[in-house]
Amino acid sequence: MKIYPARPKPHFRDEHLVVVAWLRLLELQAKKIAGVDPNDILMHFTSTLGENSDGAVVATENIFFTLRSAPHSNKTFAKLLVSGLLAPRPAAILLARVWHTGDTSALDGIAVPLFRAARDAAGVVLMDRGWPLYAALPDSFTVYRGSRNRPTDEAGSSWTLSVDTARIFASVGMGDDPGRILAAEIDKADALAVFNVMGEREIVVDSSGLRNVRTIEDGIARTGRSALGEFLKLKDTENA
């Protein structure tokens, strides 16, 4: 089942739910209570987010974009995700959005179980041109990961189909310690999510399914630049 965070035209009942949810969110924002217990917020949306409808997906998007600038918003979203009150499609959309905020610390230790639950319930989590990438994958394929030589890097869940992307993540940031590129094989059945934001061709995996993890390039110097800056530079080169 394809899961896109698009904004489809909702049915009449869904449209009503979206409007109600949006107005309630504006009220919460106006009262500056976005930092309260997430269950207190969620109680206002249970009838919407407990559904797999298009309206529930749109309402989830509205919740994310309204509350994402609130203090500790990702911790709030993480609590919502583990609450068990969200239907599979809204949960998958919210998980994908939180994953791409740049700060995934709130998902430490729970990301893989959440992605696996979303995949098992609603299909692999796909976003931002992820479906063509996923559809073209063979039954088994090679993935890559940019490493900063941390002991936990080989067990990471974020990998890519692109060596260039892995090289960017191995080189960004400050420090004298060189980076490296890891490679491994994995089965398509173990792909939990596929994203192609900025063309990075990311595959979220359960690392227990990785085989033959190895270093294919070492001694990569740090650039001191951000990953976003490096991706923009790469796109400029490709478009030249």
Protein backbone atom coordinates (compact mmCIF):
# COMPACT_ATOMS: atom_id res chain seq x y z
CA MET A 1 0.00 0.00 0.00
CA LYS A 2 1.51 3.34 -1.02
CA ILE A 3 1.63 6.00 1.69
CA TYR A 4 2.15 9.53 0.48
CA PRO A 5 1.86 12.69 2.59
CA ALA A 6 -0.13 14.31 -0.20
CA ARG A 7 -3.23 16.38 0.40
CA PRO A 8 -5.95 14.49 -1.48
CA LYS A 9 -9.37 16.02 -1.89
CA PRO A 10 -11.25 14.70 1.15
CA HIS A 11 -14.75 13.37 1.20
CA PHE A 12 -17.40 15.61 2.75
CA ARG A 13 -17.19 13.94 6.17
CA ASP A 14 -13.37 13.97 6.06
CA GLU A 15 -13.41 17.64 5.12
CA HIS A 16 -15.50 18.39 8.19
CA LEU A 17 -13.06 16.50 10.40
CA VAL A 18 -10.09 18.36 8.91
CA VAL A 19 -11.71 21.75 9.52
CA VAL A 20 -12.58 20.85 13.12
CA ALA A 21 -9.06 19.55 13.77
CA TRP A 22 -7.46 22.62 12.21
CA LEU A 23 -9.57 25.06 14.21
CA ARG A 24 -8.78 23.19 17.41
CA LEU A 25 -5.07 23.34 16.59
CA LEU A 26 -5.25 27.08 16.09
CA GLU A 27 -6.95 27.37 19.46
CA LEU A 28 -4.21 25.31 21.11
CA GLN A 29 -1.53 27.41 19.47
CA ALA A 30 -3.22 30.66 20.49
CA LYS A 31 -3.32 29.50 24.11
CA LYS A 32 0.34 28.46 23.88
CA ILE A 33 -0.32 25.07 25.40
CA ALA A 34 1.43 22.98 22.75
CA GLY A 35 3.81 21.73 25.43
CA VAL A 36 1.17 20.03 27.56
CA ASP A 37 0.82 16.29 27.91
CA PRO A 38 0.36 14.99 24.35
CA ASN A 39 -2.52 12.81 25.45
CA ASP A 40 -4.41 15.97 26.43
CA ILE A 41 -3.89 17.26 22.89
CA LEU A 42 -4.64 13.93 21.26
CA MET A 43 -8.00 13.53 23.00
CA HIS A 44 -9.34 16.25 20.71
CA PHE A 45 -8.33 14.31 17.60
CA THR A 46 -9.00 10.69 18.48
CA SER A 47 -12.05 10.50 16.22
CA THR A 48 -9.97 11.77 13.29
CA LEU A 49 -6.55 10.24 13.80
CA GLY A 50 -8.02 6.90 14.76
CA GLU A 51 -9.12 6.51 11.14
CA ASN A 52 -7.22 5.55 8.00
CA SER A 53 -9.13 8.08 5.89
CA ASP A 54 -7.67 10.79 3.68
CA GLY A 55 -9.07 13.30 6.16
CA ALA A 56 -7.06 11.72 8.97
CA VAL A 57 -3.88 11.97 6.87
CA VAL A 58 -4.49 15.66 6.10
CA ALA A 59 -5.30 16.38 9.76
CA THR A 60 -2.03 14.68 10.76
CA GLU A 61 -0.11 16.92 8.37
CA ASN A 62 -1.82 19.97 9.88
CA ILE A 63 -0.92 18.85 13.40
CA PHE A 64 2.72 18.41 12.44
CA PHE A 65 3.14 21.73 10.65
CA THR A 66 1.29 23.65 13.36
CA LEU A 67 3.12 22.23 16.36
CA ARG A 68 6.58 21.50 14.95
CA SER A 69 8.01 24.84 16.10
CA ALA A 70 6.82 24.34 19.68
CA PRO A 71 9.46 23.54 22.32
CA HIS A 72 10.31 19.84 22.45
CA SER A 73 7.78 19.16 19.69
CA ASN A 74 9.54 15.99 18.51
CA LYS A 75 9.32 14.53 22.01
CA THR A 76 5.60 15.29 21.94
CA PHE A 77 5.24 13.66 18.53
CA ALA A 78 7.18 10.61 19.72
CA LYS A 79 4.78 10.21 22.63
CA LEU A 80 1.86 10.48 20.23
CA LEU A 81 3.39 7.77 18.03
CA VAL A 82 3.76 5.30 20.89
CA SER A 83 0.35 6.11 22.38
CA GLY A 84 -1.38 3.53 20.18
CA LEU A 85 -4.24 5.94 19.44
CA LEU A 86 -3.20 6.79 15.87
CA ALA A 87 -4.39 4.68 12.95
CA PRO A 88 -1.62 3.18 10.75
CA ARG A 89 -1.73 5.76 7.94
CA PRO A 90 -1.68 8.88 10.18
CA ALA A 91 1.02 7.24 12.32
CA ALA A 92 3.16 6.52 9.26
CA ILE A 93 2.83 10.10 8.00
CA LEU A 94 3.72 11.62 11.37
CA LEU A 95 6.67 9.24 11.76
CA ALA A 96 8.01 10.17 8.31
CA ARG A 97 7.72 13.88 9.08
CA VAL A 98 9.47 13.61 12.45
CA TRP A 99 12.22 11.48 10.87
CA HIS A 100 13.04 14.31 8.47
CA THR A 101 13.09 17.22 10.91
CA GLY A 102 16.85 16.90 11.33
CA ASP A 103 16.62 15.95 15.01
CA THR A 104 15.65 12.33 15.49
CA SER A 105 16.91 12.00 19.07
CA ALA A 106 13.31 11.72 20.28
CA LEU A 107 13.05 8.50 18.24
CA ASP A 108 16.16 6.87 19.70
CA GLY A 109 15.38 3.28 20.55
CA ILE A 110 11.85 3.39 19.14
CA ALA A 111 12.32 4.32 15.46
CA VAL A 112 12.76 0.80 14.07
CA PRO A 113 9.81 -0.71 16.02
CA LEU A 114 7.63 2.24 14.90
CA PHE A 115 8.68 1.92 11.26
CA ARG A 116 8.17 -1.84 11.36
CA ALA A 117 4.70 -1.46 12.92
CA ALA A 118 3.76 1.10 10.25
CA ARG A 119 5.10 -1.14 7.48
CA ASP A 120 3.31 -4.24 8.78
CA ALA A 121 0.01 -2.38 9.25
CA ALA A 122 -0.13 -0.07 6.26
CA GLY A 123 2.70 -0.99 3.88
CA VAL A 124 6.23 0.35 3.53
CA VAL A 125 6.42 4.03 4.53
CA LEU A 126 6.98 6.08 1.39
CA MET A 127 7.42 9.82 1.00
CA ASP A 128 8.77 12.37 -1.49
CA ARG A 129 9.12 10.28 -4.65
CA GLY A 130 9.87 7.16 -2.65
CA TRP A 131 7.46 4.86 -4.49
CA PRO A 132 9.33 4.64 -7.85
CA LEU A 133 12.53 4.00 -5.92
CA TYR A 134 10.94 1.21 -3.89
CA ALA A 135 9.17 -0.37 -6.86
CA ALA A 136 12.44 -0.65 -8.77
CA LEU A 137 14.32 -2.42 -5.97
CA PRO A 138 15.33 -6.06 -6.59
CA ASP A 139 14.70 -8.73 -3.97
CA SER A 140 18.19 -8.14 -2.54
CA PHE A 141 20.40 -5.07 -2.95
CA THR A 142 23.38 -3.12 -1.60
CA VAL A 143 23.01 -0.15 0.74
CA TYR A 144 25.60 2.36 1.93
CA ARG A 145 26.08 4.49 5.03
CA GLY A 146 28.33 7.42 5.82
CA SER A 147 30.06 6.72 9.12
CA ARG A 148 31.96 8.91 11.57
CA ASN A 149 33.67 5.83 13.01
CA ARG A 150 31.32 5.53 15.95
CA PRO A 151 30.87 2.01 17.37
CA THR A 152 27.11 2.15 16.76
CA ASP A 153 27.28 3.19 13.09
CA GLU A 154 27.17 -0.33 11.70
CA ALA A 155 23.89 -0.92 13.55
CA GLY A 156 22.29 2.29 12.28
CA SER A 157 18.89 2.22 10.60
CA SER A 158 19.41 4.99 8.01
CA TRP A 159 21.19 3.78 4.85
CA THR A 160 21.13 4.86 1.20
CA LEU A 161 21.27 3.43 -2.30
CA SER A 162 23.78 6.13 -3.26
CA VAL A 163 27.53 6.03 -2.56
CA ASP A 164 27.61 9.82 -3.14
CA THR A 165 25.02 10.35 -0.40
CA ALA A 166 26.98 8.14 1.99
CA ARG A 167 30.15 10.10 1.20
CA ILE A 168 28.39 13.37 2.05
CA PHE A 169 27.31 12.09 5.47
CA ALA A 170 30.81 10.70 6.10
CA SER A 171 32.38 14.10 5.41
CA VAL A 172 30.03 16.68 6.96
CA GLY A 173 30.61 18.39 10.28
CA MET A 174 33.68 19.43 12.22
CA GLY A 175 36.50 17.37 13.69
CA ASP A 176 39.80 15.74 12.81
CA ASP A 177 38.56 12.16 12.84
CA PRO A 178 38.06 10.93 9.25
CA GLY A 179 34.85 9.34 8.07
CA ARG A 180 34.26 6.13 6.16
CA ILE A 181 31.67 4.53 3.91
CA LEU A 182 30.01 1.29 4.94
CA ALA A 183 28.29 -1.11 2.58
CA ALA A 184 25.98 -4.04 3.25
CA GLU A 185 23.42 -6.27 1.58
CA ILE A 186 19.77 -6.38 2.61
CA ASP A 187 16.53 -7.94 1.37
CA LYS A 188 13.70 -5.80 0.07
CA ALA A 189 11.45 -7.40 2.70
CA ASP A 190 13.59 -5.69 5.38
CA ALA A 191 13.14 -2.19 3.93
CA LEU A 192 10.87 -0.37 6.37
CA ALA A 193 10.76 3.04 4.67
CA VAL A 194 12.02 4.68 1.47
CA PHE A 195 12.56 8.44 1.18
CA ASN A 196 14.04 10.53 -1.61
CA VAL A 197 14.13 13.99 -0.02
CA MET A 198 16.81 16.08 -1.78
CA GLY A 199 17.61 13.00 -3.86
CA GLU A 200 19.39 11.19 -1.02
CA ARG A 201 17.66 7.82 -1.80
CA GLU A 202 17.34 6.81 1.85
CA ILE A 203 16.38 3.31 2.96
CA VAL A 204 15.32 2.84 6.59
CA VAL A 205 16.17 -0.72 7.61
CA ASP A 206 16.14 -3.05 10.57
CA SER A 207 19.88 -3.46 11.01
CA SER A 208 19.42 -7.07 12.13
CA GLY A 209 18.69 -7.84 8.46
CA LEU A 210 21.99 -6.40 7.19
CA ARG A 211 24.53 -8.86 5.77
CA ASN A 212 28.23 -8.57 5.02
CA VAL A 213 28.66 -5.12 6.61
CA ARG A 214 32.04 -3.80 5.49
CA THR A 215 34.09 -0.63 4.96
CA ILE A 216 34.57 0.24 1.28
CA GLU A 217 36.17 3.68 1.68
CA ASP A 218 38.11 5.12 4.58
CA GLY A 219 39.99 8.29 5.53
CA ILE A 220 37.34 10.74 4.31
CA ALA A 221 38.21 14.26 5.49
CA ARG A 222 35.61 16.47 7.16
CA THR A 223 34.39 19.47 5.16
CA GLY A 224 33.00 21.48 8.07
CA ARG A 225 29.82 22.02 6.05
CA SER A 226 26.26 20.83 6.66
CA ALA A 227 24.63 17.91 4.85
CA LEU A 228 22.08 20.30 3.32
CA GLY A 229 24.85 22.49 1.90
CA GLU A 230 26.59 19.47 0.43
CA PHE A 231 23.38 18.20 -1.19
CA LEU A 232 22.71 21.61 -2.74
CA LYS A 233 26.28 21.67 -4.03
CA LEU A 234 25.83 18.19 -5.52
CA LYS A 235 22.59 19.22 -7.22
CA ASP A 236 24.31 22.30 -8.70
CA THR A 237 27.01 20.03 -10.11
CA GLU A 238 24.44 17.65 -11.59
CA ASN A 239 22.51 20.54 -13.20
CA ALA A 240 25.61 22.24 -14.61
